[in-house]
Each structure stands twice: as structure tokens, then as C-alpha cells.
PDB file of all heavy atoms in Angstrom:
ATOM      1  N   VAL A   1     -12.325  14.019  -3.859  1.00  0.00           N
ATOM      2  CA  VAL A   1     -13.251  12.895  -3.759  1.00  0.00           C
ATOM      3  C   VAL A   1     -13.147  12.290  -2.366  1.00  0.00           C
ATOM      4  O   VAL A   1     -12.047  12.044  -1.861  1.00  0.00           O
ATOM      5  CB  VAL A   1     -12.929  11.824  -4.814  1.00  0.00           C
ATOM      6  CG1 VAL A   1     -13.735  10.566  -4.588  1.00  0.00           C
ATOM      7  CG2 VAL A   1     -13.189  12.378  -6.215  1.00  0.00           C
ATOM      8  N   VAL A   2     -14.282  12.069  -1.731  1.00  0.00           N
ATOM      9  CA  VAL A   2     -14.315  11.456  -0.404  1.00  0.00           C
ATOM     10  C   VAL A   2     -14.507   9.970  -0.559  1.00  0.00           C
ATOM     11  O   VAL A   2     -15.397   9.504  -1.265  1.00  0.00           O
ATOM     12  CB  VAL A   2     -15.440  12.046   0.460  1.00  0.00           C
ATOM     13  CG1 VAL A   2     -15.477  11.399   1.822  1.00  0.00           C
ATOM     14  CG2 VAL A   2     -15.261  13.560   0.602  1.00  0.00           C
ATOM     15  N   ARG A   3     -13.643   9.186   0.092  1.00  0.00           N
ATOM     16  CA  ARG A   3     -13.699   7.722  -0.016  1.00  0.00           C
ATOM     17  C   ARG A   3     -13.890   7.101   1.374  1.00  0.00           C
ATOM     18  O   ARG A   3     -13.601   7.706   2.390  1.00  0.00           O
ATOM     19  CB  ARG A   3     -12.415   7.180  -0.629  1.00  0.00           C
ATOM     20  CG  ARG A   3     -12.016   7.808  -1.956  1.00  0.00           C
ATOM     21  CD  ARG A   3     -10.722   7.179  -2.451  1.00  0.00           C
ATOM     22  NE  ARG A   3     -10.136   7.919  -3.575  1.00  0.00           N
ATOM     23  CZ  ARG A   3     -10.509   7.780  -4.834  1.00  0.00           C
ATOM     24  NH1 ARG A   3     -11.466   6.925  -5.126  1.00  0.00           N
ATOM     25  NH2 ARG A   3      -9.950   8.479  -5.789  1.00  0.00           N
ATOM     26  N   ASP A   4     -14.331   5.871   1.366  1.00  0.00           N
ATOM     27  CA  ASP A   4     -14.435   5.120   2.622  1.00  0.00           C
ATOM     28  C   ASP A   4     -13.063   4.633   3.080  1.00  0.00           C
ATOM     29  O   ASP A   4     -12.876   4.322   4.250  1.00  0.00           O
ATOM     30  CB  ASP A   4     -15.372   3.921   2.442  1.00  0.00           C
ATOM     31  CG  ASP A   4     -16.820   4.351   2.225  1.00  0.00           C
ATOM     32  OD1 ASP A   4     -17.219   5.383   2.791  1.00  0.00           O
ATOM     33  OD2 ASP A   4     -17.532   3.667   1.462  1.00  0.00           O
ATOM     34  N   VAL A   5     -12.119   4.540   2.140  1.00  0.00           N
ATOM     35  CA  VAL A   5     -10.773   4.058   2.434  1.00  0.00           C
ATOM     36  C   VAL A   5      -9.811   5.245   2.371  1.00  0.00           C
ATOM     37  O   VAL A   5      -9.827   6.009   1.402  1.00  0.00           O
ATOM     38  CB  VAL A   5     -10.344   2.978   1.433  1.00  0.00           C
ATOM     39  CG1 VAL A   5      -8.915   2.546   1.674  1.00  0.00           C
ATOM     40  CG2 VAL A   5     -11.285   1.781   1.521  1.00  0.00           C
ATOM     41  N   ALA A   6      -8.991   5.408   3.393  1.00  0.00           N
ATOM     42  CA  ALA A   6      -8.090   6.548   3.446  1.00  0.00           C
ATOM     43  C   ALA A   6      -6.979   6.448   2.385  1.00  0.00           C
ATOM     44  O   ALA A   6      -6.680   7.407   1.690  1.00  0.00           O
ATOM     45  CB  ALA A   6      -7.476   6.684   4.838  1.00  0.00           C
ATOM     46  N   VAL A   7      -6.350   5.282   2.293  1.00  0.00           N
ATOM     47  CA  VAL A   7      -5.233   5.103   1.364  1.00  0.00           C
ATOM     48  C   VAL A   7      -5.391   3.754   0.665  1.00  0.00           C
ATOM     49  O   VAL A   7      -5.648   2.735   1.307  1.00  0.00           O
ATOM     50  CB  VAL A   7      -3.872   5.117   2.111  1.00  0.00           C
ATOM     51  CG1 VAL A   7      -2.722   4.829   1.137  1.00  0.00           C
ATOM     52  CG2 VAL A   7      -3.657   6.467   2.800  1.00  0.00           C
ATOM     53  N   THR A   8      -5.259   3.768  -0.652  1.00  0.00           N
ATOM     54  CA  THR A   8      -5.241   2.534  -1.441  1.00  0.00           C
ATOM     55  C   THR A   8      -3.850   2.367  -2.032  1.00  0.00           C
ATOM     56  O   THR A   8      -3.360   3.249  -2.742  1.00  0.00           O
ATOM     57  CB  THR A   8      -6.280   2.585  -2.575  1.00  0.00           C
ATOM     58  OG1 THR A   8      -7.579   2.789  -2.025  1.00  0.00           O
ATOM     59  CG2 THR A   8      -6.269   1.277  -3.365  1.00  0.00           C
ATOM     60  N   ALA A   9      -3.217   1.220  -1.736  1.00  0.00           N
ATOM     61  CA  ALA A   9      -1.867   0.959  -2.207  1.00  0.00           C
ATOM     62  C   ALA A   9      -1.850  -0.394  -2.917  1.00  0.00           C
ATOM     63  O   ALA A   9      -2.791  -1.179  -2.839  1.00  0.00           O
ATOM     64  CB  ALA A   9      -0.875   0.962  -1.048  1.00  0.00           C
ATOM     65  N   PHE A  10      -0.745  -0.669  -3.632  1.00  0.00           N
ATOM     66  CA  PHE A  10      -0.637  -1.928  -4.365  1.00  0.00           C
ATOM     67  C   PHE A  10       0.695  -2.614  -4.084  1.00  0.00           C
ATOM     68  O   PHE A  10       1.693  -1.953  -3.713  1.00  0.00           O
ATOM     69  CB  PHE A  10      -0.795  -1.706  -5.881  1.00  0.00           C
ATOM     70  CG  PHE A  10       0.398  -1.062  -6.532  1.00  0.00           C
ATOM     71  CD1 PHE A  10       1.352  -1.814  -7.210  1.00  0.00           C
ATOM     72  CD2 PHE A  10       0.569   0.327  -6.486  1.00  0.00           C
ATOM     73  CE1 PHE A  10       2.444  -1.218  -7.833  1.00  0.00           C
ATOM     74  CE2 PHE A  10       1.648   0.922  -7.105  1.00  0.00           C
ATOM     75  CZ  PHE A  10       2.599   0.158  -7.775  1.00  0.00           C
ATOM     76  N   CYS A  11       0.698  -3.902  -4.258  1.00  0.00           N
ATOM     77  CA  CYS A  11       1.948  -4.687  -4.132  1.00  0.00           C
ATOM     78  C   CYS A  11       2.548  -4.832  -5.529  1.00  0.00           C
ATOM     79  O   CYS A  11       1.874  -5.331  -6.437  1.00  0.00           O
ATOM     80  CB  CYS A  11       1.648  -6.061  -3.549  1.00  0.00           C
ATOM     81  SG  CYS A  11       3.081  -7.193  -3.603  1.00  0.00           S
ATOM     82  N   PRO A  12       3.775  -4.417  -5.769  1.00  0.00           N
ATOM     83  CA  PRO A  12       4.361  -4.499  -7.105  1.00  0.00           C
ATOM     84  C   PRO A  12       4.691  -5.920  -7.561  1.00  0.00           C
ATOM     85  O   PRO A  12       4.965  -6.143  -8.735  1.00  0.00           O
ATOM     86  CB  PRO A  12       5.636  -3.655  -6.974  1.00  0.00           C
ATOM     87  CG  PRO A  12       5.991  -3.708  -5.550  1.00  0.00           C
ATOM     88  CD  PRO A  12       4.700  -3.796  -4.804  1.00  0.00           C
ATOM     89  N   ASP A  13       4.619  -6.895  -6.644  1.00  0.00           N
ATOM     90  CA  ASP A  13       4.912  -8.278  -7.024  1.00  0.00           C
ATOM     91  C   ASP A  13       3.667  -9.011  -7.477  1.00  0.00           C
ATOM     92  O   ASP A  13       3.620  -9.570  -8.579  1.00  0.00           O
ATOM     93  CB  ASP A  13       5.552  -9.023  -5.841  1.00  0.00           C
ATOM     94  CG  ASP A  13       6.947  -8.531  -5.536  1.00  0.00           C
ATOM     95  OD1 ASP A  13       7.589  -8.002  -6.461  1.00  0.00           O
ATOM     96  OD2 ASP A  13       7.381  -8.646  -4.385  1.00  0.00           O
ATOM     97  N   CYS A  14       2.616  -9.013  -6.647  1.00  0.00           N
ATOM     98  CA  CYS A  14       1.415  -9.765  -6.980  1.00  0.00           C
ATOM     99  C   CYS A  14       0.275  -8.867  -7.464  1.00  0.00           C
ATOM    100  O   CYS A  14      -0.786  -9.382  -7.875  1.00  0.00           O
ATOM    101  CB  CYS A  14       0.949 -10.601  -5.783  1.00  0.00           C
ATOM    102  SG  CYS A  14       0.275  -9.608  -4.418  1.00  0.00           S
ATOM    103  N   LEU A  15       0.451  -7.542  -7.374  1.00  0.00           N
ATOM    104  CA  LEU A  15      -0.519  -6.540  -7.823  1.00  0.00           C
ATOM    105  C   LEU A  15      -1.761  -6.484  -6.942  1.00  0.00           C
ATOM    106  O   LEU A  15      -2.772  -5.847  -7.321  1.00  0.00           O
ATOM    107  CB  LEU A  15      -0.940  -6.765  -9.274  1.00  0.00           C
ATOM    108  CG  LEU A  15       0.191  -6.892 -10.303  1.00  0.00           C
ATOM    109  CD1 LEU A  15      -0.391  -7.029 -11.716  1.00  0.00           C
ATOM    110  CD2 LEU A  15       1.147  -5.725 -10.215  1.00  0.00           C
ATOM    111  N   ALA A  16      -1.736  -7.120  -5.765  1.00  0.00           N
ATOM    112  CA  ALA A  16      -2.877  -7.055  -4.845  1.00  0.00           C
ATOM    113  C   ALA A  16      -3.022  -5.625  -4.308  1.00  0.00           C
ATOM    114  O   ALA A  16      -2.024  -4.915  -4.127  1.00  0.00           O
ATOM    115  CB  ALA A  16      -2.689  -8.027  -3.701  1.00  0.00           C
ATOM    116  N   LEU A  17      -4.272  -5.221  -4.037  1.00  0.00           N
ATOM    117  CA  LEU A  17      -4.530  -3.907  -3.443  1.00  0.00           C
ATOM    118  C   LEU A  17      -4.604  -4.025  -1.933  1.00  0.00           C
ATOM    119  O   LEU A  17      -5.024  -5.053  -1.380  1.00  0.00           O
ATOM    120  CB  LEU A  17      -5.848  -3.317  -3.966  1.00  0.00           C
ATOM    121  CG  LEU A  17      -5.924  -3.023  -5.463  1.00  0.00           C
ATOM    122  CD1 LEU A  17      -7.177  -2.212  -5.760  1.00  0.00           C
ATOM    123  CD2 LEU A  17      -4.697  -2.296  -5.979  1.00  0.00           C
ATOM    124  N   HIS A  18      -4.224  -2.934  -1.252  1.00  0.00           N
ATOM    125  CA  HIS A  18      -4.261  -2.884   0.211  1.00  0.00           C
ATOM    126  C   HIS A  18      -4.964  -1.600   0.629  1.00  0.00           C
ATOM    127  O   HIS A  18      -4.604  -0.508   0.190  1.00  0.00           O
ATOM    128  CB  HIS A  18      -2.838  -2.912   0.790  1.00  0.00           C
ATOM    129  CG  HIS A  18      -2.129  -4.210   0.572  1.00  0.00           C
ATOM    130  ND1 HIS A  18      -2.001  -5.170   1.557  1.00  0.00           N
ATOM    131  CD2 HIS A  18      -1.512  -4.721  -0.525  1.00  0.00           C
ATOM    132  CE1 HIS A  18      -1.352  -6.200   1.086  1.00  0.00           C
ATOM    133  NE2 HIS A  18      -1.040  -5.969  -0.185  1.00  0.00           N
ATOM    134  N   ASP A  19      -5.979  -1.752   1.494  1.00  0.00           N
ATOM    135  CA  ASP A  19      -6.661  -0.612   2.084  1.00  0.00           C
ATOM    136  C   ASP A  19      -5.940  -0.263   3.372  1.00  0.00           C
ATOM    137  O   ASP A  19      -5.770  -1.117   4.259  1.00  0.00           O
ATOM    138  CB  ASP A  19      -8.122  -0.926   2.384  1.00  0.00           C
ATOM    139  CG  ASP A  19      -8.930  -1.182   1.110  1.00  0.00           C
ATOM    140  OD1 ASP A  19      -8.480  -0.727   0.040  1.00  0.00           O
ATOM    141  OD2 ASP A  19      -9.995  -1.809   1.211  1.00  0.00           O
ATOM    142  N   CYS A  20      -5.503   1.005   3.495  1.00  0.00           N
ATOM    143  CA  CYS A  20      -4.678   1.408   4.630  1.00  0.00           C
ATOM    144  C   CYS A  20      -5.303   2.596   5.356  1.00  0.00           C
ATOM    145  O   CYS A  20      -6.061   3.383   4.783  1.00  0.00           O
ATOM    146  CB  CYS A  20      -3.276   1.813   4.140  1.00  0.00           C
ATOM    147  SG  CYS A  20      -2.438   0.574   3.140  1.00  0.00           S
ATOM    148  N   GLU A  21      -4.902   2.734   6.625  1.00  0.00           N
ATOM    149  CA  GLU A  21      -5.281   3.922   7.394  1.00  0.00           C
ATOM    150  C   GLU A  21      -4.475   5.120   6.902  1.00  0.00           C
ATOM    151  O   GLU A  21      -3.415   4.971   6.281  1.00  0.00           O
ATOM    152  CB  GLU A  21      -5.003   3.678   8.879  1.00  0.00           C
ATOM    153  CG  GLU A  21      -5.781   2.515   9.494  1.00  0.00           C
ATOM    154  CD  GLU A  21      -7.270   2.801   9.537  1.00  0.00           C
ATOM    155  OE1 GLU A  21      -7.647   3.989   9.588  1.00  0.00           O
ATOM    156  OE2 GLU A  21      -8.062   1.828   9.531  1.00  0.00           O
ATOM    157  N   GLU A  22      -4.970   6.301   7.233  1.00  0.00           N
ATOM    158  CA  GLU A  22      -4.311   7.521   6.777  1.00  0.00           C
ATOM    159  C   GLU A  22      -2.883   7.626   7.287  1.00  0.00           C
ATOM    160  O   GLU A  22      -1.994   8.172   6.619  1.00  0.00           O
ATOM    161  CB  GLU A  22      -5.115   8.741   7.203  1.00  0.00           C
ATOM    162  CG  GLU A  22      -4.571  10.061   6.678  1.00  0.00           C
ATOM    163  CD  GLU A  22      -5.429  11.251   7.078  1.00  0.00           C
ATOM    164  OE1 GLU A  22      -6.601  11.019   7.461  1.00  0.00           O
ATOM    165  OE2 GLU A  22      -4.934  12.386   7.004  1.00  0.00           O
ATOM    166  N   THR A  23      -2.624   7.084   8.473  1.00  0.00           N
ATOM    167  CA  THR A  23      -1.298   7.182   9.091  1.00  0.00           C
ATOM    168  C   THR A  23      -0.350   6.056   8.672  1.00  0.00           C
ATOM    169  O   THR A  23       0.801   6.042   9.099  1.00  0.00           O
ATOM    170  CB  THR A  23      -1.423   7.189  10.610  1.00  0.00           C
ATOM    171  OG1 THR A  23      -2.122   6.008  11.023  1.00  0.00           O
ATOM    172  CG2 THR A  23      -2.174   8.421  11.086  1.00  0.00           C
ATOM    173  N   ALA A  24      -0.838   5.126   7.847  1.00  0.00           N
ATOM    174  CA  ALA A  24      -0.002   3.975   7.453  1.00  0.00           C
ATOM    175  C   ALA A  24       1.219   4.434   6.670  1.00  0.00           C
ATOM    176  O   ALA A  24       1.159   5.383   5.881  1.00  0.00           O
ATOM    177  CB  ALA A  24      -0.825   2.997   6.641  1.00  0.00           C
ATOM    178  N   THR A  25       2.311   3.737   6.866  1.00  0.00           N
ATOM    179  CA  THR A  25       3.554   4.045   6.135  1.00  0.00           C
ATOM    180  C   THR A  25       4.076   2.850   5.374  1.00  0.00           C
ATOM    181  O   THR A  25       5.045   2.977   4.615  1.00  0.00           O
ATOM    182  CB  THR A  25       4.664   4.532   7.104  1.00  0.00           C
ATOM    183  OG1 THR A  25       4.916   3.505   8.071  1.00  0.00           O
ATOM    184  CG2 THR A  25       4.234   5.818   7.797  1.00  0.00           C
ATOM    185  N   GLU A  26       3.457   1.644   5.587  1.00  0.00           N
ATOM    186  CA  GLU A  26       3.955   0.462   4.910  1.00  0.00           C
ATOM    187  C   GLU A  26       2.843  -0.567   4.745  1.00  0.00           C
ATOM    188  O   GLU A  26       1.776  -0.475   5.345  1.00  0.00           O
ATOM    189  CB  GLU A  26       5.127  -0.146   5.676  1.00  0.00           C
ATOM    190  CG  GLU A  26       4.761  -0.557   7.104  1.00  0.00           C
ATOM    191  CD  GLU A  26       5.971  -1.006   7.912  1.00  0.00           C
ATOM    192  OE1 GLU A  26       7.070  -0.498   7.632  1.00  0.00           O
ATOM    193  OE2 GLU A  26       5.787  -1.845   8.822  1.00  0.00           O
ATOM    194  N   ILE A  27       3.097  -1.542   3.869  1.00  0.00           N
ATOM    195  CA  ILE A  27       2.193  -2.685   3.703  1.00  0.00           C
ATOM    196  C   ILE A  27       3.045  -3.950   3.776  1.00  0.00           C
ATOM    197  O   ILE A  27       4.265  -3.919   3.546  1.00  0.00           O
ATOM    198  CB  ILE A  27       1.453  -2.650   2.347  1.00  0.00           C
ATOM    199  CG1 ILE A  27       2.455  -2.670   1.179  1.00  0.00           C
ATOM    200  CG2 ILE A  27       0.515  -1.460   2.253  1.00  0.00           C
ATOM    201  CD1 ILE A  27       1.794  -2.832  -0.194  1.00  0.00           C
ATOM    202  N   ARG A  28       2.381  -5.075   4.100  1.00  0.00           N
ATOM    203  CA  ARG A  28       3.086  -6.344   4.086  1.00  0.00           C
ATOM    204  C   ARG A  28       2.362  -7.273   3.121  1.00  0.00           C
ATOM    205  O   ARG A  28       1.143  -7.483   3.221  1.00  0.00           O
ATOM    206  CB  ARG A  28       3.138  -6.974   5.474  1.00  0.00           C
ATOM    207  CG  ARG A  28       3.878  -8.308   5.511  1.00  0.00           C
ATOM    208  CD  ARG A  28       4.265  -8.738   6.908  1.00  0.00           C
ATOM    209  NE  ARG A  28       5.001  -9.996   6.876  1.00  0.00           N
ATOM    210  CZ  ARG A  28       6.289 -10.101   6.588  1.00  0.00           C
ATOM    211  NH1 ARG A  28       6.999  -9.000   6.315  1.00  0.00           N
ATOM    212  NH2 ARG A  28       6.909 -11.286   6.572  1.00  0.00           N
ATOM    213  N   CYS A  29       3.105  -7.810   2.144  1.00  0.00           N
ATOM    214  CA  CYS A  29       2.528  -8.672   1.122  1.00  0.00           C
ATOM    215  C   CYS A  29       3.609  -9.541   0.529  1.00  0.00           C
ATOM    216  O   CYS A  29       4.786  -9.113   0.440  1.00  0.00           O
ATOM    217  CB  CYS A  29       1.854  -7.827   0.030  1.00  0.00           C
ATOM    218  SG  CYS A  29       0.751  -8.754  -1.046  1.00  0.00           S
ATOM    219  N   CYS A  30       3.257 -10.721   0.085  1.00  0.00           N
ATOM    220  CA  CYS A  30       4.212 -11.654  -0.536  1.00  0.00           C
ATOM    221  C   CYS A  30       5.423 -11.898   0.370  1.00  0.00           C
ATOM    222  O   CYS A  30       6.570 -12.046  -0.112  1.00  0.00           O
ATOM    223  CB  CYS A  30       4.684 -11.123  -1.907  1.00  0.00           C
ATOM    224  SG  CYS A  30       3.330 -10.910  -3.090  1.00  0.00           S
ATOM    225  N   GLY A  31       5.166 -11.902   1.678  1.00  0.00           N
ATOM    226  CA  GLY A  31       6.231 -12.184   2.635  1.00  0.00           C
ATOM    227  C   GLY A  31       7.204 -11.057   2.834  1.00  0.00           C
ATOM    228  O   GLY A  31       8.259 -11.245   3.464  1.00  0.00           O
ATOM    229  N   THR A  32       6.880  -9.870   2.352  1.00  0.00           N
ATOM    230  CA  THR A  32       7.813  -8.740   2.415  1.00  0.00           C
ATOM    231  C   THR A  32       7.089  -7.508   2.953  1.00  0.00           C
ATOM    232  O   THR A  32       5.925  -7.261   2.611  1.00  0.00           O
ATOM    233  CB  THR A  32       8.385  -8.411   1.030  1.00  0.00           C
ATOM    234  OG1 THR A  32       9.026  -9.566   0.521  1.00  0.00           O
ATOM    235  CG2 THR A  32       9.391  -7.260   1.098  1.00  0.00           C
ATOM    236  N   THR A  33       7.773  -6.739   3.786  1.00  0.00           N
ATOM    237  CA  THR A  33       7.257  -5.460   4.229  1.00  0.00           C
ATOM    238  C   THR A  33       7.803  -4.358   3.338  1.00  0.00           C
ATOM    239  O   THR A  33       9.026  -4.264   3.132  1.00  0.00           O
ATOM    240  CB  THR A  33       7.639  -5.180   5.697  1.00  0.00           C
ATOM    241  OG1 THR A  33       7.070  -6.211   6.517  1.00  0.00           O
ATOM    242  CG2 THR A  33       7.118  -3.834   6.153  1.00  0.00           C
ATOM    243  N   ARG A  34       6.916  -3.550   2.810  1.00  0.00           N
ATOM    244  CA  ARG A  34       7.315  -2.476   1.890  1.00  0.00           C
ATOM    245  C   ARG A  34       6.817  -1.138   2.412  1.00  0.00           C
ATOM    246  O   ARG A  34       5.708  -1.028   2.903  1.00  0.00           O
ATOM    247  CB  ARG A  34       6.732  -2.711   0.494  1.00  0.00           C
ATOM    248  CG  ARG A  34       7.203  -4.003  -0.167  1.00  0.00           C
ATOM    249  CD  ARG A  34       6.556  -4.132  -1.542  1.00  0.00           C
ATOM    250  NE  ARG A  34       6.928  -5.352  -2.208  1.00  0.00           N
ATOM    251  CZ  ARG A  34       8.023  -5.500  -2.952  1.00  0.00           C
ATOM    252  NH1 ARG A  34       8.837  -4.462  -3.098  1.00  0.00           N
ATOM    253  NH2 ARG A  34       8.297  -6.647  -3.543  1.00  0.00           N
ATOM    254  N   ARG A  35       7.661  -0.114   2.254  1.00  0.00           N
ATOM    255  CA  ARG A  35       7.223   1.237   2.572  1.00  0.00           C
ATOM    256  C   ARG A  35       6.334   1.759   1.437  1.00  0.00           C
ATOM    257  O   ARG A  35       6.556   1.463   0.255  1.00  0.00           O
ATOM    258  CB  ARG A  35       8.436   2.152   2.730  1.00  0.00           C
ATOM    259  CG  ARG A  35       9.276   1.821   3.959  1.00  0.00           C
ATOM    260  CD  ARG A  35      10.456   2.789   4.120  1.00  0.00           C
ATOM    261  NE  ARG A  35      11.335   2.761   2.964  1.00  0.00           N
ATOM    262  CZ  ARG A  35      11.508   3.787   2.131  1.00  0.00           C
ATOM    263  NH1 ARG A  35      10.854   4.926   2.330  1.00  0.00           N
ATOM    264  NH2 ARG A  35      12.330   3.691   1.114  1.00  0.00           N
ATOM    265  N   LEU A  36       5.337   2.544   1.810  1.00  0.00           N
ATOM    266  CA  LEU A  36       4.420   3.075   0.770  1.00  0.00           C
ATOM    267  C   LEU A  36       5.147   3.970  -0.213  1.00  0.00           C
ATOM    268  O   LEU A  36       4.717   4.108  -1.358  1.00  0.00           O
ATOM    269  CB  LEU A  36       3.284   3.857   1.442  1.00  0.00           C
ATOM    270  CG  LEU A  36       2.309   3.046   2.292  1.00  0.00           C
ATOM    271  CD1 LEU A  36       1.198   3.951   2.830  1.00  0.00           C
ATOM    272  CD2 LEU A  36       1.707   1.906   1.490  1.00  0.00           C
ATOM    273  N   GLU A  37       6.252   4.575   0.211  1.00  0.00           N
ATOM    274  CA  GLU A  37       6.988   5.453  -0.699  1.00  0.00           C
ATOM    275  C   GLU A  37       8.145   4.746  -1.407  1.00  0.00           C
ATOM    276  O   GLU A  37       9.013   5.395  -1.997  1.00  0.00           O
ATOM    277  CB  GLU A  37       7.514   6.679   0.058  1.00  0.00           C
ATOM    278  CG  GLU A  37       6.395   7.553   0.619  1.00  0.00           C
ATOM    279  CD  GLU A  37       5.336   7.902  -0.430  1.00  0.00           C
ATOM    280  OE1 GLU A  37       5.714   8.317  -1.540  1.00  0.00           O
ATOM    281  OE2 GLU A  37       4.135   7.755  -0.145  1.00  0.00           O
ATOM    282  N   ASP A  38       8.151   3.394  -1.368  1.00  0.00           N
ATOM    283  CA  ASP A  38       9.129   2.658  -2.169  1.00  0.00           C
ATOM    284  C   ASP A  38       8.932   3.027  -3.639  1.00  0.00           C
ATOM    285  O   ASP A  38       7.820   3.306  -4.084  1.00  0.00           O
ATOM    286  CB  ASP A  38       8.939   1.149  -1.987  1.00  0.00           C
ATOM    287  CG  ASP A  38       9.593   0.633  -0.707  1.00  0.00           C
ATOM    288  OD1 ASP A  38      10.288   1.431  -0.036  1.00  0.00           O
ATOM    289  OD2 ASP A  38       9.390  -0.549  -0.366  1.00  0.00           O
ATOM    290  N   ALA A  39      10.024   2.983  -4.389  1.00  0.00           N
ATOM    291  CA  ALA A  39       9.945   3.397  -5.794  1.00  0.00           C
ATOM    292  C   ALA A  39      11.039   2.712  -6.609  1.00  0.00           C
ATOM    293  O   ALA A  39      12.121   2.408  -6.097  1.00  0.00           O
ATOM    294  CB  ALA A  39      10.088   4.915  -5.894  1.00  0.00           C
ATOM    295  N   THR A  40      10.738   2.470  -7.871  1.00  0.00           N
ATOM    296  CA  THR A  40      11.785   2.083  -8.826  1.00  0.00           C
ATOM    297  C   THR A  40      12.186   3.274  -9.685  1.00  0.00           C
ATOM    298  O   THR A  40      13.168   3.201 -10.417  1.00  0.00           O
ATOM    299  CB  THR A  40      11.307   0.942  -9.733  1.00  0.00           C
ATOM    300  OG1 THR A  40      10.118   1.352 -10.419  1.00  0.00           O
ATOM    301  CG2 THR A  40      11.014  -0.314  -8.932  1.00  0.00           C
ATOM    302  N   PHE A  41      11.400   4.369  -9.602  1.00  0.00           N
ATOM    303  CA  PHE A  41      11.688   5.560 -10.406  1.00  0.00           C
ATOM    304  C   PHE A  41      11.786   6.749  -9.459  1.00  0.00           C
ATOM    305  O   PHE A  41      10.825   7.112  -8.786  1.00  0.00           O
ATOM    306  CB  PHE A  41      10.577   5.805 -11.423  1.00  0.00           C
ATOM    307  CG  PHE A  41      10.903   6.869 -12.435  1.00  0.00           C
ATOM    308  CD1 PHE A  41      11.710   6.585 -13.533  1.00  0.00           C
ATOM    309  CD2 PHE A  41      10.403   8.145 -12.297  1.00  0.00           C
ATOM    310  CE1 PHE A  41      12.008   7.554 -14.472  1.00  0.00           C
ATOM    311  CE2 PHE A  41      10.708   9.134 -13.238  1.00  0.00           C
ATOM    312  CZ  PHE A  41      11.508   8.837 -14.325  1.00  0.00           C
TER     313      PHE A  41
END
């Protein structure tokens, strides 16, 4: 599927969505910088 947004990610604290560039490796939300590959599992 072709999308207008390269990467869609979410914040596990507030559940907000983040539109990211293809080269992005992290997001910043709720005062915290998180890596896109962060995991609890």
C-alpha cells in the first residue's frame, strides 16, 4: 500500500500518533524521546 506518510508511530503513554520520515529513528512525546524500536516485549 502506498501512503502519503512514510512511517506512522504511536506514543505508548498518551497514544498520540506521529507521522515520521522514512529515515526517522525516534519520536518525542510526553516530554520523552523514544526510539521507534522501543519495546516492552
